[in-house]
C-alpha atoms as a PDB file:
ATOM      1  CA  UNK A   1      11.025  -4.030  14.978  1.00  0.00           C
ATOM      2  CA  UNK A   2      11.461  -5.188  11.163  1.00  0.00           C
ATOM      3  CA  UNK A   3      11.015  -3.050   8.020  1.00  0.00           C
ATOM      4  CA  UNK A   4       9.286  -4.736   5.067  1.00  0.00           C
ATOM      5  CA  UNK A   5       9.338  -3.379   1.562  1.00  0.00           C
ATOM      6  CA  UNK A   6       5.595  -4.298   0.639  1.00  0.00           C
ATOM      7  CA  UNK A   7       6.213  -2.501  -2.705  1.00  0.00           C
ATOM      8  CA  UNK A   8       9.605  -1.439  -3.993  1.00  0.00           C
ATOM      9  CA  UNK A   9       9.422   1.666  -6.160  1.00  0.00           C
ATOM     10  CA  UNK A  10       8.435   1.589  -9.459  1.00  0.00           C
ATOM     11  CA  UNK A  11       6.125   3.260 -12.154  1.00  0.00           C
ATOM     12  CA  UNK A  12       2.884   1.686 -12.543  1.00  0.00           C
ATOM     13  CA  UNK A  13      -0.077   2.551 -14.873  1.00  0.00           C
ATOM     14  CA  UNK A  14      -2.760   0.402 -13.859  1.00  0.00           C
ATOM     15  CA  UNK A  15      -4.490  -0.700 -10.950  1.00  0.00           C
ATOM     16  CA  UNK A  16      -3.436  -3.816  -9.261  1.00  0.00           C
ATOM     17  CA  UNK A  17      -2.051  -5.549  -6.004  1.00  0.00           C
ATOM     18  CA  UNK A  18       1.578  -6.739  -4.348  1.00  0.00           C
ATOM     19  CA  UNK A  19       0.327 -10.346  -4.357  1.00  0.00           C
ATOM     20  CA  UNK A  20       0.171 -11.865  -1.083  1.00  0.00           C
ATOM     21  CA  UNK A  21       2.898 -10.913   1.640  1.00  0.00           C
ATOM     22  CA  UNK A  22       3.190 -13.507   4.239  1.00  0.00           C
ATOM     23  CA  UNK A  23       4.771 -13.435   7.810  1.00  0.00           C
ATOM     24  CA  UNK A  24       2.698 -10.599   9.814  1.00  0.00           C
ATOM     25  CA  UNK A  25       0.981 -13.135  12.132  1.00  0.00           C
ATOM     26  CA  UNK A  26       3.413 -11.973  15.270  1.00  0.00           C
ATOM     27  CA  UNK A  27       2.876  -8.179  14.911  1.00  0.00           C
ATOM     28  CA  UNK A  28       0.394  -6.261  16.837  1.00  0.00           C
ATOM     29  CA  UNK A  29       1.148  -2.971  15.204  1.00  0.00           C
ATOM     30  CA  UNK A  30       2.894  -1.100  12.056  1.00  0.00           C
ATOM     31  CA  UNK A  31       3.444   2.194  10.409  1.00  0.00           C
ATOM     32  CA  UNK A  32       3.112   1.940   6.619  1.00  0.00           C
ATOM     33  CA  UNK A  33       4.672   4.712   4.441  1.00  0.00           C
ATOM     34  CA  UNK A  34       3.582   5.479   0.855  1.00  0.00           C
ATOM     35  CA  UNK A  35       6.159   7.207  -1.176  1.00  0.00           C
ATOM     36  CA  UNK A  36       5.018   8.779  -4.132  1.00  0.00           C
ATOM     37  CA  UNK A  37       8.233  10.112  -6.023  1.00  0.00           C
ATOM     38  CA  UNK A  38       6.742  10.839  -9.623  1.00  0.00           C
ATOM     39  CA  UNK A  39       3.418  11.182 -11.356  1.00  0.00           C
ATOM     40  CA  UNK A  40       2.353  11.910 -14.924  1.00  0.00           C
ATOM     41  CA  UNK A  41      -1.016  12.038 -16.626  1.00  0.00           C
ATOM     42  CA  UNK A  42      -3.858  14.546 -16.549  1.00  0.00           C
ATOM     43  CA  UNK A  43      -5.447  14.465 -13.107  1.00  0.00           C
ATOM     44  CA  UNK A  44      -3.834  11.391 -11.865  1.00  0.00           C
ATOM     45  CA  UNK A  45      -5.166  10.075  -8.835  1.00  0.00           C
ATOM     46  CA  UNK A  46      -3.707   7.149  -6.604  1.00  0.00           C
ATOM     47  CA  UNK A  47      -5.593   5.128  -3.902  1.00  0.00           C
ATOM     48  CA  UNK A  48      -3.851   2.638  -1.917  1.00  0.00           C
ATOM     49  CA  UNK A  49      -5.083   0.295   0.956  1.00  0.00           C
ATOM     50  CA  UNK A  50      -3.422  -2.233   3.040  1.00  0.00           C
ATOM     51  CA  UNK A  51      -5.445  -5.594   3.364  1.00  0.00           C
ATOM     52  CA  UNK A  52      -5.385  -8.592   5.036  1.00  0.00           C
ATOM     53  CA  UNK A  53      -7.452 -11.841   4.463  1.00  0.00           C
ATOM     54  CA  UNK A  54      -8.113 -15.115   6.675  1.00  0.00           C
ATOM     55  CA  UNK A  55      -8.412 -17.023   3.933  1.00  0.00           C
ATOM     56  CA  UNK A  56      -6.763 -16.162   0.696  1.00  0.00           C
ATOM     57  CA  UNK A  57      -9.663 -14.796  -1.158  1.00  0.00           C
ATOM     58  CA  UNK A  58     -11.669 -12.601   0.860  1.00  0.00           C
ATOM     59  CA  UNK A  59      -9.566  -9.468   1.783  1.00  0.00           C
ATOM     60  CA  UNK A  60     -10.593  -6.750   4.430  1.00  0.00           C
ATOM     61  CA  UNK A  61      -9.179  -3.239   4.454  1.00  0.00           C
ATOM     62  CA  UNK A  62      -6.935  -2.511   7.649  1.00  0.00           C
ATOM     63  CA  UNK A  63      -5.170   0.728   6.688  1.00  0.00           C
ATOM     64  CA  UNK A  64      -5.991   3.562   3.985  1.00  0.00           C
ATOM     65  CA  UNK A  65      -3.566   6.098   2.901  1.00  0.00           C
ATOM     66  CA  UNK A  66      -4.877   9.684   1.450  1.00  0.00           C
ATOM     67  CA  UNK A  67      -5.606   9.874  -2.326  1.00  0.00           C
ATOM     68  CA  UNK A  68      -2.251  10.956  -3.868  1.00  0.00           C
ATOM     69  CA  UNK A  69      -2.318  13.632  -6.644  1.00  0.00           C
ATOM     70  CA  UNK A  70       1.371  14.506  -6.276  1.00  0.00           C
ATOM     71  CA  UNK A  71       4.346  13.460  -5.174  1.00  0.00           C
ATOM     72  CA  UNK A  72       4.387  13.384  -1.500  1.00  0.00           C
ATOM     73  CA  UNK A  73       5.448  11.008   1.364  1.00  0.00           C
ATOM     74  CA  UNK A  74       2.699  10.149   3.791  1.00  0.00           C
ATOM     75  CA  UNK A  75       2.498   7.651   6.657  1.00  0.00           C
ATOM     76  CA  UNK A  76      -0.467   5.722   8.680  1.00  0.00           C
ATOM     77  CA  UNK A  77      -0.477   3.900  11.847  1.00  0.00           C
ATOM     78  CA  UNK A  78      -2.298   0.304  11.876  1.00  0.00           C
ATOM     79  CA  UNK A  79      -3.246  -1.414  15.509  1.00  0.00           C
ATOM     80  CA  UNK A  80      -4.821  -4.216  16.377  1.00  0.00           C
ATOM     81  CA  UNK A  81      -5.306  -7.555  15.247  1.00  0.00           C
ATOM     82  CA  UNK A  82      -4.550  -8.401  11.623  1.00  0.00           C
ATOM     83  CA  UNK A  83      -3.807 -11.971   9.865  1.00  0.00           C
ATOM     84  CA  UNK A  84      -0.493 -13.357   8.957  1.00  0.00           C
ATOM     85  CA  UNK A  85      -1.064 -12.359   5.316  1.00  0.00           C
ATOM     86  CA  UNK A  86      -1.206  -8.660   3.919  1.00  0.00           C
ATOM     87  CA  UNK A  87      -1.306  -7.010   0.601  1.00  0.00           C
ATOM     88  CA  UNK A  88      -1.169  -3.481  -0.718  1.00  0.00           C
ATOM     89  CA  UNK A  89      -3.815  -2.501  -3.447  1.00  0.00           C
ATOM     90  CA  UNK A  90      -3.780   0.390  -5.436  1.00  0.00           C
ATOM     91  CA  UNK A  91      -6.312   2.069  -8.076  1.00  0.00           C
ATOM     92  CA  UNK A  92      -4.734   4.475 -10.531  1.00  0.00           C
ATOM     93  CA  UNK A  93      -7.311   6.892 -12.178  1.00  0.00           C
ATOM     94  CA  UNK A  94      -7.100  10.038 -14.419  1.00  0.00           C
ATOM     95  CA  UNK A  95      -6.239  10.264 -18.257  1.00  0.00           C
ATOM     96  CA  UNK A  96      -2.541   8.453 -19.143  1.00  0.00           C
ATOM     97  CA  UNK A  97      -1.788   8.214 -15.549  1.00  0.00           C
ATOM     98  CA  UNK A  98       1.476   6.870 -14.225  1.00  0.00           C
ATOM     99  CA  UNK A  99       2.701   7.036 -10.492  1.00  0.00           C
ATOM    100  CA  UNK A 100       6.230   6.002  -9.487  1.00  0.00           C
ATOM    101  CA  UNK A 101       5.610   4.950  -5.751  1.00  0.00           C
ATOM    102  CA  UNK A 102       6.825   2.462  -2.915  1.00  0.00           C
ATOM    103  CA  UNK A 103       5.299   1.309   0.272  1.00  0.00           C
ATOM    104  CA  UNK A 104       7.114   0.108   3.060  1.00  0.00           C
ATOM    105  CA  UNK A 105       6.187  -1.324   6.537  1.00  0.00           C
ATOM    106  CA  UNK A 106       7.597  -1.188  10.012  1.00  0.00           C
ATOM    107  CA  UNK A 107       6.116  -2.886  12.829  1.00  0.00           C
ATOM    108  CA  UNK A 108       6.199  -5.423  15.590  1.00  0.00           C
END
């Protein structure tokens, strides 16, 4: 089973996404891991989802992590059909928030 770093560990202060991650068309299941190693700010929140797309424009949520408010590691399992193109999207909330986190995907 391949291991893919979908999002390398880095400090992030704004909401964004990883951009298109190609090459998942032959996967039928995966385990996605979110590792939050640091956070700063007043009442910071981090929401992270895994999405796929058929056309590169419209994105569909295929996996959702529990909202992060502290440093922790969590994993979710995603099964079923999904497209060849995925991305990680995150939303950062709070007052002057900063989260250091990474996302890895392990699947077949």
